[in-house]
Amino acid sequence: MAIPSRLTGSGIPAGAATQLCGDTANTLTAAGTTNADALRLNAIHNRVTTTASGTGVLLPPIEPGAEVTVMNSGANALLVYPGTTGAQINALTATTGGFSVAAGGRARFVAYAPTVWGAILSA
């Protein structure tokens, strides 16, 4: 895995290093109780620190080959919804099926196809 400071130290511009390594969002607050009002994630690596019961986040629009990580540092389970109409996570209901990440849990979401996110859940 590349480290941004090593890339910039070798002459790669900071913006390119961020694109190669992925940007981060920290201290996010989950919102809403459905895919229609969940918090939209805009970074590659996301840490959600506040999770009221039943709240969630929405993955970015799906692009095959993309990967997004979500860390739930909140007190309750976090629901993660696909960010594209008609897309699904694993075998959950398309568009509205929320993938649950337990408090203290982490998950990596890999876009395998234009409508399929695969979730890899950590312990």
PDB file of N, CA and C in Angstrom:
ATOM      1  N   MET A   1       0.855  -1.175   0.000  1.00  0.00           N
ATOM      2  CA  MET A   1       0.000   0.000   0.000  1.00  0.00           C
ATOM      3  C   MET A   1       0.889   1.223   0.000  1.00  0.00           C
ATOM      4  N   ALA A   2       0.583   2.146  -0.842  1.00  0.00           N
ATOM      5  CA  ALA A   2       1.345   3.386  -0.927  1.00  0.00           C
ATOM      6  C   ALA A   2       1.040   4.298   0.261  1.00  0.00           C
ATOM      7  N   ILE A   3       2.015   5.077   0.661  1.00  0.00           N
ATOM      8  CA  ILE A   3       1.870   6.054   1.735  1.00  0.00           C
ATOM      9  C   ILE A   3       2.048   7.434   1.103  1.00  0.00           C
ATOM     10  N   PRO A   4       1.072   8.345   1.297  1.00  0.00           N
ATOM     11  CA  PRO A   4       1.120   9.644   0.614  1.00  0.00           C
ATOM     12  C   PRO A   4       2.442  10.393   0.755  1.00  0.00           C
ATOM     13  N   SER A   5       3.007  10.455   1.968  1.00  0.00           N
ATOM     14  CA  SER A   5       4.243  11.222   2.162  1.00  0.00           C
ATOM     15  C   SER A   5       5.409  10.641   1.373  1.00  0.00           C
ATOM     16  N   ARG A   6       5.423   9.344   1.192  1.00  0.00           N
ATOM     17  CA  ARG A   6       6.498   8.731   0.397  1.00  0.00           C
ATOM     18  C   ARG A   6       6.325   9.048  -1.080  1.00  0.00           C
ATOM     19  N   LEU A   7       5.080   9.101  -1.521  1.00  0.00           N
ATOM     20  CA  LEU A   7       4.835   9.459  -2.925  1.00  0.00           C
ATOM     21  C   LEU A   7       5.220  10.907  -3.198  1.00  0.00           C
ATOM     22  N   THR A   8       4.794  11.815  -2.321  1.00  0.00           N
ATOM     23  CA  THR A   8       5.134  13.220  -2.542  1.00  0.00           C
ATOM     24  C   THR A   8       6.633  13.439  -2.389  1.00  0.00           C
ATOM     25  N   GLY A   9       7.275  12.672  -1.505  1.00  0.00           N
ATOM     26  CA  GLY A   9       8.723  12.765  -1.342  1.00  0.00           C
ATOM     27  C   GLY A   9       9.487  12.333  -2.576  1.00  0.00           C
ATOM     28  N   SER A  10       8.848  11.510  -3.397  1.00  0.00           N
ATOM     29  CA  SER A  10       9.497  11.066  -4.640  1.00  0.00           C
ATOM     30  C   SER A  10       9.149  11.963  -5.820  1.00  0.00           C
ATOM     31  N   GLY A  11       8.410  13.066  -5.533  1.00  0.00           N
ATOM     32  CA  GLY A  11       8.125  14.029  -6.592  1.00  0.00           C
ATOM     33  C   GLY A  11       6.714  13.987  -7.151  1.00  0.00           C
ATOM     34  N   ILE A  12       5.886  13.085  -6.677  1.00  0.00           N
ATOM     35  CA  ILE A  12       4.505  13.017  -7.155  1.00  0.00           C
ATOM     36  C   ILE A  12       3.711  14.135  -6.477  1.00  0.00           C
ATOM     37  N   PRO A  13       2.925  14.900  -7.229  1.00  0.00           N
ATOM     38  CA  PRO A  13       2.130  15.979  -6.620  1.00  0.00           C
ATOM     39  C   PRO A  13       1.161  15.443  -5.556  1.00  0.00           C
ATOM     40  N   ALA A  14       0.882  16.281  -4.544  1.00  0.00           N
ATOM     41  CA  ALA A  14       0.031  15.867  -3.425  1.00  0.00           C
ATOM     42  C   ALA A  14      -1.343  15.391  -3.884  1.00  0.00           C
ATOM     43  N   GLY A  15      -1.942  16.078  -4.847  1.00  0.00           N
ATOM     44  CA  GLY A  15      -3.265  15.664  -5.340  1.00  0.00           C
ATOM     45  C   GLY A  15      -3.239  14.285  -5.963  1.00  0.00           C
ATOM     46  N   ALA A  16      -2.182  13.985  -6.707  1.00  0.00           N
ATOM     47  CA  ALA A  16      -2.053  12.655  -7.316  1.00  0.00           C
ATOM     48  C   ALA A  16      -1.828  11.599  -6.233  1.00  0.00           C
ATOM     49  N   ALA A  17      -1.043  11.940  -5.210  1.00  0.00           N
ATOM     50  CA  ALA A  17      -0.801  10.994  -4.115  1.00  0.00           C
ATOM     51  C   ALA A  17      -2.106  10.653  -3.401  1.00  0.00           C
ATOM     52  N   THR A  18      -2.960  11.658  -3.201  1.00  0.00           N
ATOM     53  CA  THR A  18      -4.260  11.424  -2.560  1.00  0.00           C
ATOM     54  C   THR A  18      -5.120  10.517  -3.421  1.00  0.00           C
ATOM     55  N   GLN A  19      -5.119  10.730  -4.726  1.00  0.00           N
ATOM     56  CA  GLN A  19      -5.905   9.883  -5.614  1.00  0.00           C
ATOM     57  C   GLN A  19      -5.410   8.447  -5.610  1.00  0.00           C
ATOM     58  N   LEU A  20      -4.100   8.253  -5.521  1.00  0.00           N
ATOM     59  CA  LEU A  20      -3.539   6.904  -5.496  1.00  0.00           C
ATOM     60  C   LEU A  20      -3.799   6.191  -4.176  1.00  0.00           C
ATOM     61  N   CYS A  21      -3.706   6.921  -3.072  1.00  0.00           N
ATOM     62  CA  CYS A  21      -3.842   6.313  -1.743  1.00  0.00           C
ATOM     63  C   CYS A  21      -5.264   6.349  -1.203  1.00  0.00           C
ATOM     64  N   GLY A  22      -6.059   7.283  -1.687  1.00  0.00           N
ATOM     65  CA  GLY A  22      -7.421   7.441  -1.188  1.00  0.00           C
ATOM     66  C   GLY A  22      -7.495   8.522  -0.130  1.00  0.00           C
ATOM     67  N   ASP A  23      -8.555   9.320  -0.214  1.00  0.00           N
ATOM     68  CA  ASP A  23      -8.752  10.370   0.778  1.00  0.00           C
ATOM     69  C   ASP A  23      -9.508   9.820   1.976  1.00  0.00           C
ATOM     70  N   THR A  24      -9.531  10.594   3.053  1.00  0.00           N
ATOM     71  CA  THR A  24     -10.171  10.138   4.283  1.00  0.00           C
ATOM     72  C   THR A  24     -11.192  11.155   4.781  1.00  0.00           C
ATOM     73  N   ALA A  25     -12.173  10.637   5.498  1.00  0.00           N
ATOM     74  CA  ALA A  25     -13.147  11.472   6.204  1.00  0.00           C
ATOM     75  C   ALA A  25     -13.247  10.914   7.616  1.00  0.00           C
ATOM     76  N   ASN A  26     -13.096  11.779   8.601  1.00  0.00           N
ATOM     77  CA  ASN A  26     -13.063  11.365   9.996  1.00  0.00           C
ATOM     78  C   ASN A  26     -14.179  12.083  10.753  1.00  0.00           C
ATOM     79  N   THR A  27     -14.604  11.512  11.854  1.00  0.00           N
ATOM     80  CA  THR A  27     -15.649  12.063  12.734  1.00  0.00           C
ATOM     81  C   THR A  27     -16.953  12.348  11.991  1.00  0.00           C
ATOM     82  N   LEU A  28     -17.382  11.416  11.162  1.00  0.00           N
ATOM     83  CA  LEU A  28     -18.660  11.554  10.455  1.00  0.00           C
ATOM     84  C   LEU A  28     -19.815  11.169  11.383  1.00  0.00           C
ATOM     85  N   THR A  29     -20.974  11.745  11.130  1.00  0.00           N
ATOM     86  CA  THR A  29     -22.187  11.424  11.880  1.00  0.00           C
ATOM     87  C   THR A  29     -23.195  10.786  10.934  1.00  0.00           C
ATOM     88  N   ALA A  30     -23.576   9.550  11.219  1.00  0.00           N
ATOM     89  CA  ALA A  30     -24.577   8.868  10.399  1.00  0.00           C
ATOM     90  C   ALA A  30     -25.895   9.634  10.480  1.00  0.00           C
ATOM     91  N   ALA A  31     -26.693   9.548   9.422  1.00  0.00           N
ATOM     92  CA  ALA A  31     -27.955  10.296   9.375  1.00  0.00           C
ATOM     93  C   ALA A  31     -29.046   9.448   8.742  1.00  0.00           C
ATOM     94  N   GLY A  32     -30.286   9.862   8.968  1.00  0.00           N
ATOM     95  CA  GLY A  32     -31.429   9.228   8.318  1.00  0.00           C
ATOM     96  C   GLY A  32     -31.628   7.790   8.725  1.00  0.00           C
ATOM     97  N   THR A  33     -32.740   7.239   8.288  1.00  0.00           N
ATOM     98  CA  THR A  33     -33.060   5.847   8.594  1.00  0.00           C
ATOM     99  C   THR A  33     -33.357   5.030   7.347  1.00  0.00           C
ATOM    100  N   THR A  34     -33.146   5.619   6.159  1.00  0.00           N
ATOM    101  CA  THR A  34     -33.333   4.913   4.888  1.00  0.00           C
ATOM    102  C   THR A  34     -32.242   5.363   3.925  1.00  0.00           C
ATOM    103  N   ASN A  35     -32.202   4.730   2.761  1.00  0.00           N
ATOM    104  CA  ASN A  35     -31.232   5.144   1.746  1.00  0.00           C
ATOM    105  C   ASN A  35     -31.533   6.551   1.228  1.00  0.00           C
ATOM    106  N   ALA A  36     -32.758   7.019   1.379  1.00  0.00           N
ATOM    107  CA  ALA A  36     -33.141   8.333   0.865  1.00  0.00           C
ATOM    108  C   ALA A  36     -32.595   9.483   1.707  1.00  0.00           C
ATOM    109  N   ASP A  37     -32.301   9.236   2.990  1.00  0.00           N
ATOM    110  CA  ASP A  37     -31.838  10.336   3.832  1.00  0.00           C
ATOM    111  C   ASP A  37     -30.552  10.026   4.611  1.00  0.00           C
ATOM    112  N   ALA A  38     -29.861   8.957   4.233  1.00  0.00           N
ATOM    113  CA  ALA A  38     -28.591   8.614   4.881  1.00  0.00           C
ATOM    114  C   ALA A  38     -27.500   9.595   4.448  1.00  0.00           C
ATOM    115  N   LEU A  39     -26.446   9.681   5.238  1.00  0.00           N
ATOM    116  CA  LEU A  39     -25.313  10.548   4.934  1.00  0.00           C
ATOM    117  C   LEU A  39     -24.542  10.016   3.730  1.00  0.00           C
ATOM    118  N   ARG A  40     -24.335  10.833   2.715  1.00  0.00           N
ATOM    119  CA  ARG A  40     -23.569  10.443   1.514  1.00  0.00           C
ATOM    120  C   ARG A  40     -22.075  10.478   1.838  1.00  0.00           C
ATOM    121  N   LEU A  41     -21.381   9.367   1.589  1.00  0.00           N
ATOM    122  CA  LEU A  41     -19.934   9.313   1.777  1.00  0.00           C
ATOM    123  C   LEU A  41     -19.249   9.859   0.531  1.00  0.00           C
ATOM    124  N   ASN A  42     -18.228  10.682   0.732  1.00  0.00           N
ATOM    125  CA  ASN A  42     -17.501  11.272  -0.391  1.00  0.00           C
ATOM    126  C   ASN A  42     -16.034  10.895  -0.417  1.00  0.00           C
ATOM    127  N   ALA A  43     -15.572  10.156   0.590  1.00  0.00           N
ATOM    128  CA  ALA A  43     -14.162   9.769   0.668  1.00  0.00           C
ATOM    129  C   ALA A  43     -14.015   8.266   0.432  1.00  0.00           C
ATOM    130  N   ILE A  44     -12.774   7.839   0.260  1.00  0.00           N
ATOM    131  CA  ILE A  44     -12.484   6.417   0.095  1.00  0.00           C
ATOM    132  C   ILE A  44     -12.457   5.715   1.458  1.00  0.00           C
ATOM    133  N   HIS A  45     -11.831   6.344   2.442  1.00  0.00           N
ATOM    134  CA  HIS A  45     -11.723   5.774   3.786  1.00  0.00           C
ATOM    135  C   HIS A  45     -12.545   6.644   4.728  1.00  0.00           C
ATOM    136  N   ASN A  46     -13.553   6.045   5.371  1.00  0.00           N
ATOM    137  CA  ASN A  46     -14.527   6.797   6.169  1.00  0.00           C
ATOM    138  C   ASN A  46     -14.610   6.250   7.580  1.00  0.00           C
ATOM    139  N   ARG A  47     -14.557   7.164   8.556  1.00  0.00           N
ATOM    140  CA  ARG A  47     -14.723   6.783   9.962  1.00  0.00           C
ATOM    141  C   ARG A  47     -15.941   7.505  10.513  1.00  0.00           C
ATOM    142  N   VAL A  48     -16.955   6.707  10.868  1.00  0.00           N
ATOM    143  CA  VAL A  48     -18.194   7.251  11.416  1.00  0.00           C
ATOM    144  C   VAL A  48     -18.104   7.135  12.931  1.00  0.00           C
ATOM    145  N   THR A  49     -18.200   8.274  13.622  1.00  0.00           N
ATOM    146  CA  THR A  49     -18.026   8.280  15.078  1.00  0.00           C
ATOM    147  C   THR A  49     -19.331   8.432  15.846  1.00  0.00           C
ATOM    148  N   THR A  50     -20.389   8.867  15.174  1.00  0.00           N
ATOM    149  CA  THR A  50     -21.685   9.014  15.828  1.00  0.00           C
ATOM    150  C   THR A  50     -22.728   8.233  15.034  1.00  0.00           C
ATOM    151  N   THR A  51     -23.330   7.236  15.687  1.00  0.00           N
ATOM    152  CA  THR A  51     -24.340   6.406  15.036  1.00  0.00           C
ATOM    153  C   THR A  51     -25.533   6.228  15.961  1.00  0.00           C
ATOM    154  N   ALA A  52     -26.510   7.102  15.821  1.00  0.00           N
ATOM    155  CA  ALA A  52     -27.753   6.906  16.558  1.00  0.00           C
ATOM    156  C   ALA A  52     -28.408   5.630  16.033  1.00  0.00           C
ATOM    157  N   SER A  53     -29.247   5.016  16.828  1.00  0.00           N
ATOM    158  CA  SER A  53     -29.899   3.771  16.440  1.00  0.00           C
ATOM    159  C   SER A  53     -30.651   3.916  15.121  1.00  0.00           C
ATOM    160  N   GLY A  54     -30.369   2.998  14.175  1.00  0.00           N
ATOM    161  CA  GLY A  54     -31.076   2.964  12.902  1.00  0.00           C
ATOM    162  C   GLY A  54     -30.553   3.902  11.830  1.00  0.00           C
ATOM    163  N   THR A  55     -29.479   4.658  12.115  1.00  0.00           N
ATOM    164  CA  THR A  55     -28.968   5.616  11.124  1.00  0.00           C
ATOM    165  C   THR A  55     -27.960   4.957  10.197  1.00  0.00           C
ATOM    166  N   GLY A  56     -27.664   5.661   9.086  1.00  0.00           N
ATOM    167  CA  GLY A  56     -26.785   5.052   8.117  1.00  0.00           C
ATOM    168  C   GLY A  56     -26.028   6.019   7.230  1.00  0.00           C
ATOM    169  N   VAL A  57     -25.289   5.422   6.303  1.00  0.00           N
ATOM    170  CA  VAL A  57     -24.511   6.164   5.313  1.00  0.00           C
ATOM    171  C   VAL A  57     -24.782   5.570   3.938  1.00  0.00           C
ATOM    172  N   LEU A  58     -24.498   6.358   2.925  1.00  0.00           N
ATOM    173  CA  LEU A  58     -24.732   5.982   1.532  1.00  0.00           C
ATOM    174  C   LEU A  58     -23.398   5.941   0.815  1.00  0.00           C
ATOM    175  N   LEU A  59     -23.073   4.804   0.189  1.00  0.00           N
ATOM    176  CA  LEU A  59     -21.826   4.694  -0.564  1.00  0.00           C
ATOM    177  C   LEU A  59     -21.834   5.666  -1.743  1.00  0.00           C
ATOM    178  N   PRO A  60     -20.655   6.025  -2.250  1.00  0.00           N
ATOM    179  CA  PRO A  60     -20.607   6.890  -3.444  1.00  0.00           C
ATOM    180  C   PRO A  60     -21.247   6.174  -4.637  1.00  0.00           C
ATOM    181  N   PRO A  61     -21.554   6.903  -5.703  1.00  0.00           N
ATOM    182  CA  PRO A  61     -22.053   6.248  -6.908  1.00  0.00           C
ATOM    183  C   PRO A  61     -21.085   5.139  -7.331  1.00  0.00           C
ATOM    184  N   ILE A  62     -21.629   4.021  -7.735  1.00  0.00           N
ATOM    185  CA  ILE A  62     -20.814   2.835  -8.012  1.00  0.00           C
ATOM    186  C   ILE A  62     -20.029   2.974  -9.318  1.00  0.00           C
ATOM    187  N   GLU A  63     -18.762   2.570  -9.256  1.00  0.00           N
ATOM    188  CA  GLU A  63     -17.886   2.475 -10.422  1.00  0.00           C
ATOM    189  C   GLU A  63     -17.145   1.152 -10.285  1.00  0.00           C
ATOM    190  N   PRO A  64     -17.326   0.205 -11.208  1.00  0.00           N
ATOM    191  CA  PRO A  64     -16.644  -1.082 -11.084  1.00  0.00           C
ATOM    192  C   PRO A  64     -15.146  -0.903 -10.840  1.00  0.00           C
ATOM    193  N   GLY A  65     -14.656  -1.641  -9.853  1.00  0.00           N
ATOM    194  CA  GLY A  65     -13.256  -1.564  -9.470  1.00  0.00           C
ATOM    195  C   GLY A  65     -13.003  -0.667  -8.276  1.00  0.00           C
ATOM    196  N   ALA A  66     -13.970   0.167  -7.922  1.00  0.00           N
ATOM    197  CA  ALA A  66     -13.806   1.075  -6.786  1.00  0.00           C
ATOM    198  C   ALA A  66     -13.852   0.297  -5.476  1.00  0.00           C
ATOM    199  N   GLU A  67     -13.170   0.829  -4.468  1.00  0.00           N
ATOM    200  CA  GLU A  67     -13.216   0.282  -3.123  1.00  0.00           C
ATOM    201  C   GLU A  67     -13.437   1.418  -2.136  1.00  0.00           C
ATOM    202  N   VAL A  68     -14.288   1.172  -1.143  1.00  0.00           N
ATOM    203  CA  VAL A  68     -14.580   2.145  -0.103  1.00  0.00           C
ATOM    204  C   VAL A  68     -14.523   1.417   1.230  1.00  0.00           C
ATOM    205  N   THR A  69     -13.875   2.030   2.226  1.00  0.00           N
ATOM    206  CA  THR A  69     -13.849   1.431   3.556  1.00  0.00           C
ATOM    207  C   THR A  69     -14.673   2.280   4.521  1.00  0.00           C
ATOM    208  N   VAL A  70     -15.315   1.593   5.451  1.00  0.00           N
ATOM    209  CA  VAL A  70     -16.139   2.251   6.456  1.00  0.00           C
ATOM    210  C   VAL A  70     -15.784   1.660   7.817  1.00  0.00           C
ATOM    211  N   MET A  71     -15.447   2.532   8.765  1.00  0.00           N
ATOM    212  CA  MET A  71     -15.159   2.136  10.141  1.00  0.00           C
ATOM    213  C   MET A  71     -16.249   2.724  11.032  1.00  0.00           C
ATOM    214  N   ASN A  72     -16.903   1.877  11.798  1.00  0.00           N
ATOM    215  CA  ASN A  72     -17.961   2.335  12.689  1.00  0.00           C
ATOM    216  C   ASN A  72     -17.409   2.464  14.105  1.00  0.00           C
ATOM    217  N   SER A  73     -17.105   3.690  14.506  1.00  0.00           N
ATOM    218  CA  SER A  73     -16.632   3.954  15.865  1.00  0.00           C
ATOM    219  C   SER A  73     -17.762   4.458  16.756  1.00  0.00           C
ATOM    220  N   GLY A  74     -18.989   4.349  16.274  1.00  0.00           N
ATOM    221  CA  GLY A  74     -20.148   4.801  17.030  1.00  0.00           C
ATOM    222  C   GLY A  74     -20.622   3.766  18.023  1.00  0.00           C
ATOM    223  N   ALA A  75     -21.674   4.118  18.756  1.00  0.00           N
ATOM    224  CA  ALA A  75     -22.201   3.268  19.819  1.00  0.00           C
ATOM    225  C   ALA A  75     -23.209   2.231  19.332  1.00  0.00           C
ATOM    226  N   ASN A  76     -23.751   2.422  18.116  1.00  0.00           N
ATOM    227  CA  ASN A  76     -24.777   1.521  17.583  1.00  0.00           C
ATOM    228  C   ASN A  76     -24.348   0.977  16.230  1.00  0.00           C
ATOM    229  N   ALA A  77     -25.057  -0.050  15.766  1.00  0.00           N
ATOM    230  CA  ALA A  77     -24.802  -0.579  14.432  1.00  0.00           C
ATOM    231  C   ALA A  77     -25.043   0.518  13.390  1.00  0.00           C
ATOM    232  N   LEU A  78     -24.299   0.462  12.313  1.00  0.00           N
ATOM    233  CA  LEU A  78     -24.384   1.432  11.226  1.00  0.00           C
ATOM    234  C   LEU A  78     -24.914   0.732   9.984  1.00  0.00           C
ATOM    235  N   LEU A  79     -25.914   1.322   9.339  1.00  0.00           N
ATOM    236  CA  LEU A  79     -26.420   0.773   8.088  1.00  0.00           C
ATOM    237  C   LEU A  79     -25.709   1.451   6.916  1.00  0.00           C
ATOM    238  N   VAL A  80     -25.228   0.648   5.975  1.00  0.00           N
ATOM    239  CA  VAL A  80     -24.551   1.162   4.785  1.00  0.00           C
ATOM    240  C   VAL A  80     -25.404   0.791   3.580  1.00  0.00           C
ATOM    241  N   TYR A  81     -25.778   1.807   2.797  1.00  0.00           N
ATOM    242  CA  TYR A  81     -26.644   1.606   1.632  1.00  0.00           C
ATOM    243  C   TYR A  81     -25.856   1.803   0.334  1.00  0.00           C
ATOM    244  N   PRO A  82     -26.255   1.095  -0.736  1.00  0.00           N
ATOM    245  CA  PRO A  82     -25.612   1.339  -2.029  1.00  0.00           C
ATOM    246  C   PRO A  82     -25.968   2.748  -2.495  1.00  0.00           C
ATOM    247  N   GLY A  83     -25.041   3.423  -3.130  1.00  0.00           N
ATOM    248  CA  GLY A  83     -25.266   4.815  -3.505  1.00  0.00           C
ATOM    249  C   GLY A  83     -25.849   5.023  -4.879  1.00  0.00           C
ATOM    250  N   THR A  84     -26.220   3.959  -5.550  1.00  0.00           N
ATOM    251  CA  THR A  84     -26.737   4.047  -6.909  1.00  0.00           C
ATOM    252  C   THR A  84     -28.071   3.319  -6.985  1.00  0.00           C
ATOM    253  N   THR A  85     -29.075   3.942  -7.561  1.00  0.00           N
ATOM    254  CA  THR A  85     -30.375   3.296  -7.725  1.00  0.00           C
ATOM    255  C   THR A  85     -30.203   2.003  -8.519  1.00  0.00           C
ATOM    256  N   GLY A  86     -30.766   0.925  -8.015  1.00  0.00           N
ATOM    257  CA  GLY A  86     -30.682  -0.382  -8.676  1.00  0.00           C
ATOM    258  C   GLY A  86     -29.486  -1.203  -8.245  1.00  0.00           C
ATOM    259  N   ALA A  87     -28.549  -0.598  -7.504  1.00  0.00           N
ATOM    260  CA  ALA A  87     -27.379  -1.345  -7.036  1.00  0.00           C
ATOM    261  C   ALA A  87     -27.709  -2.057  -5.724  1.00  0.00           C
ATOM    262  N   GLN A  88     -26.925  -3.075  -5.413  1.00  0.00           N
ATOM    263  CA  GLN A  88     -27.135  -3.805  -4.176  1.00  0.00           C
ATOM    264  C   GLN A  88     -25.801  -4.140  -3.535  1.00  0.00           C
ATOM    265  N   ILE A  89     -25.846  -4.414  -2.239  1.00  0.00           N
ATOM    266  CA  ILE A  89     -24.687  -4.880  -1.492  1.00  0.00           C
ATOM    267  C   ILE A  89     -24.907  -6.359  -1.214  1.00  0.00           C
ATOM    268  N   ASN A  90     -23.961  -7.174  -1.658  1.00  0.00           N
ATOM    269  CA  ASN A  90     -24.094  -8.631  -1.558  1.00  0.00           C
ATOM    270  C   ASN A  90     -25.447  -9.041  -2.152  1.00  0.00           C
ATOM    271  N   ALA A  91     -26.263  -9.772  -1.404  1.00  0.00           N
ATOM    272  CA  ALA A  91     -27.561 -10.217  -1.931  1.00  0.00           C
ATOM    273  C   ALA A  91     -28.724  -9.458  -1.306  1.00  0.00           C
ATOM    274  N   LEU A  92     -28.452  -8.288  -0.740  1.00  0.00           N
ATOM    275  CA  LEU A  92     -29.524  -7.495  -0.125  1.00  0.00           C
ATOM    276  C   LEU A  92     -30.411  -6.868  -1.199  1.00  0.00           C
ATOM    277  N   THR A  93     -31.540  -6.369  -0.781  1.00  0.00           N
ATOM    278  CA  THR A  93     -32.487  -5.730  -1.693  1.00  0.00           C
ATOM    279  C   THR A  93     -31.813  -4.576  -2.422  1.00  0.00           C
ATOM    280  N   ALA A  94     -31.995  -4.512  -3.739  1.00  0.00           N
ATOM    281  CA  ALA A  94     -31.415  -3.425  -4.530  1.00  0.00           C
ATOM    282  C   ALA A  94     -31.918  -2.081  -4.038  1.00  0.00           C
ATOM    283  N   THR A  95     -31.057  -1.095  -4.047  1.00  0.00           N
ATOM    284  CA  THR A  95     -31.299   0.301  -3.683  1.00  0.00           C
ATOM    285  C   THR A  95     -31.530   0.519  -2.193  1.00  0.00           C
ATOM    286  N   THR A  96     -32.432  -0.234  -1.563  1.00  0.00           N
ATOM    287  CA  THR A  96     -32.834   0.057  -0.185  1.00  0.00           C
ATOM    288  C   THR A  96     -32.254  -0.885   0.866  1.00  0.00           C
ATOM    289  N   GLY A  97     -31.565  -1.945   0.457  1.00  0.00           N
ATOM    290  CA  GLY A  97     -31.030  -2.908   1.423  1.00  0.00           C
ATOM    291  C   GLY A  97     -29.814  -2.376   2.138  1.00  0.00           C
ATOM    292  N   GLY A  98     -29.917  -2.178   3.453  1.00  0.00           N
ATOM    293  CA  GLY A  98     -28.815  -1.665   4.245  1.00  0.00           C
ATOM    294  C   GLY A  98     -27.964  -2.776   4.819  1.00  0.00           C
ATOM    295  N   PHE A  99     -26.654  -2.670   4.635  1.00  0.00           N
ATOM    296  CA  PHE A  99     -25.698  -3.638   5.168  1.00  0.00           C
ATOM    297  C   PHE A  99     -25.296  -3.154   6.557  1.00  0.00           C
ATOM    298  N   SER A 100     -25.390  -4.001   7.562  1.00  0.00           N
ATOM    299  CA  SER A 100     -25.134  -3.601   8.946  1.00  0.00           C
ATOM    300  C   SER A 100     -23.674  -3.824   9.332  1.00  0.00           C
ATOM    301  N   VAL A 101     -23.065  -2.748   9.865  1.00  0.00           N
ATOM    302  CA  VAL A 101     -21.708  -2.817  10.411  1.00  0.00           C
ATOM    303  C   VAL A 101     -21.838  -2.557  11.911  1.00  0.00           C
ATOM    304  N   ALA A 102     -21.481  -3.546  12.712  1.00  0.00           N
ATOM    305  CA  ALA A 102     -21.629  -3.445  14.166  1.00  0.00           C
ATOM    306  C   ALA A 102     -20.776  -2.319  14.738  1.00  0.00           C
ATOM    307  N   ALA A 103     -21.160  -1.844  15.913  1.00  0.00           N
ATOM    308  CA  ALA A 103     -20.346  -0.854  16.618  1.00  0.00           C
ATOM    309  C   ALA A 103     -18.942  -1.430  16.803  1.00  0.00           C
ATOM    310  N   GLY A 104     -17.948  -0.653  16.442  1.00  0.00           N
ATOM    311  CA  GLY A 104     -16.569  -1.118  16.515  1.00  0.00           C
ATOM    312  C   GLY A 104     -16.120  -1.917  15.303  1.00  0.00           C
ATOM    313  N   GLY A 105     -17.022  -2.144  14.353  1.00  0.00           N
ATOM    314  CA  GLY A 105     -16.703  -2.945  13.179  1.00  0.00           C
ATOM    315  C   GLY A 105     -16.181  -2.121  12.014  1.00  0.00           C
ATOM    316  N   ARG A 106     -15.637  -2.819  11.042  1.00  0.00           N
ATOM    317  CA  ARG A 106     -15.131  -2.206   9.816  1.00  0.00           C
ATOM    318  C   ARG A 106     -15.570  -3.050   8.635  1.00  0.00           C
ATOM    319  N   ALA A 107     -15.761  -2.384   7.500  1.00  0.00           N
ATOM    320  CA  ALA A 107     -16.133  -3.114   6.286  1.00  0.00           C
ATOM    321  C   ALA A 107     -15.485  -2.457   5.080  1.00  0.00           C
ATOM    322  N   ARG A 108     -15.120  -3.285   4.126  1.00  0.00           N
ATOM    323  CA  ARG A 108     -14.617  -2.807   2.836  1.00  0.00           C
ATOM    324  C   ARG A 108     -15.662  -3.177   1.794  1.00  0.00           C
ATOM    325  N   PHE A 109     -15.987  -2.216   0.949  1.00  0.00           N
ATOM    326  CA  PHE A 109     -16.976  -2.429  -0.108  1.00  0.00           C
ATOM    327  C   PHE A 109     -16.262  -2.347  -1.447  1.00  0.00           C
ATOM    328  N   VAL A 110     -16.412  -3.402  -2.246  1.00  0.00           N
ATOM    329  CA  VAL A 110     -15.754  -3.491  -3.550  1.00  0.00           C
ATOM    330  C   VAL A 110     -16.838  -3.508  -4.623  1.00  0.00           C
ATOM    331  N   ALA A 111     -16.711  -2.632  -5.606  1.00  0.00           N
ATOM    332  CA  ALA A 111     -17.675  -2.580  -6.706  1.00  0.00           C
ATOM    333  C   ALA A 111     -17.249  -3.597  -7.769  1.00  0.00           C
ATOM    334  N   TYR A 112     -17.995  -4.690  -7.849  1.00  0.00           N
ATOM    335  CA  TYR A 112     -17.674  -5.755  -8.789  1.00  0.00           C
ATOM    336  C   TYR A 112     -18.319  -5.559 -10.152  1.00  0.00           C
ATOM    337  N   ALA A 113     -19.402  -4.817 -10.196  1.00  0.00           N
ATOM    338  CA  ALA A 113     -20.148  -4.605 -11.443  1.00  0.00           C
ATOM    339  C   ALA A 113     -20.918  -3.293 -11.296  1.00  0.00           C
ATOM    340  N   PRO A 114     -21.524  -2.791 -12.368  1.00  0.00           N
ATOM    341  CA  PRO A 114     -22.254  -1.521 -12.286  1.00  0.00           C
ATOM    342  C   PRO A 114     -23.406  -1.495 -11.276  1.00  0.00           C
ATOM    343  N   THR A 115     -23.835  -2.680 -10.816  1.00  0.00           N
ATOM    344  CA  THR A 115     -24.940  -2.709  -9.834  1.00  0.00           C
ATOM    345  C   THR A 115     -24.639  -3.599  -8.629  1.00  0.00           C
ATOM    346  N   VAL A 116     -23.380  -4.016  -8.423  1.00  0.00           N
ATOM    347  CA  VAL A 116     -23.075  -4.942  -7.334  1.00  0.00           C
ATOM    348  C   VAL A 116     -21.874  -4.469  -6.503  1.00  0.00           C
ATOM    349  N   TRP A 117     -22.160  -4.144  -5.235  1.00  0.00           N
ATOM    350  CA  TRP A 117     -21.113  -3.938  -4.246  1.00  0.00           C
ATOM    351  C   TRP A 117     -20.951  -5.241  -3.478  1.00  0.00           C
ATOM    352  N   GLY A 118     -19.731  -5.666  -3.240  1.00  0.00           N
ATOM    353  CA  GLY A 118     -19.460  -6.806  -2.351  1.00  0.00           C
ATOM    354  C   GLY A 118     -18.915  -6.261  -1.051  1.00  0.00           C
ATOM    355  N   ALA A 119     -19.409  -6.750   0.067  1.00  0.00           N
ATOM    356  CA  ALA A 119     -18.956  -6.292   1.377  1.00  0.00           C
ATOM    357  C   ALA A 119     -18.047  -7.329   2.007  1.00  0.00           C
ATOM    358  N   ILE A 120     -16.936  -6.854   2.538  1.00  0.00           N
ATOM    359  CA  ILE A 120     -15.996  -7.696   3.283  1.00  0.00           C
ATOM    360  C   ILE A 120     -15.982  -7.129   4.692  1.00  0.00           C
ATOM    361  N   LEU A 121     -16.506  -7.888   5.631  1.00  0.00           N
ATOM    362  CA  LEU A 121     -16.701  -7.428   7.001  1.00  0.00           C
ATOM    363  C   LEU A 121     -15.574  -7.920   7.894  1.00  0.00           C
ATOM    364  N   SER A 122     -15.049  -7.028   8.738  1.00  0.00           N
ATOM    365  CA  SER A 122     -14.020  -7.433   9.701  1.00  0.00           C
ATOM    366  C   SER A 122     -14.681  -7.868  10.999  1.00  0.00           C
ATOM    367  N   ALA A 123     -13.886  -8.503  11.826  1.00  0.00           N
ATOM    368  CA  ALA A 123     -14.399  -8.941  13.127  1.00  0.00           C
ATOM    369  C   ALA A 123     -14.426  -7.796  14.100  1.00  0.00           C
TER     370      ALA A 123
END
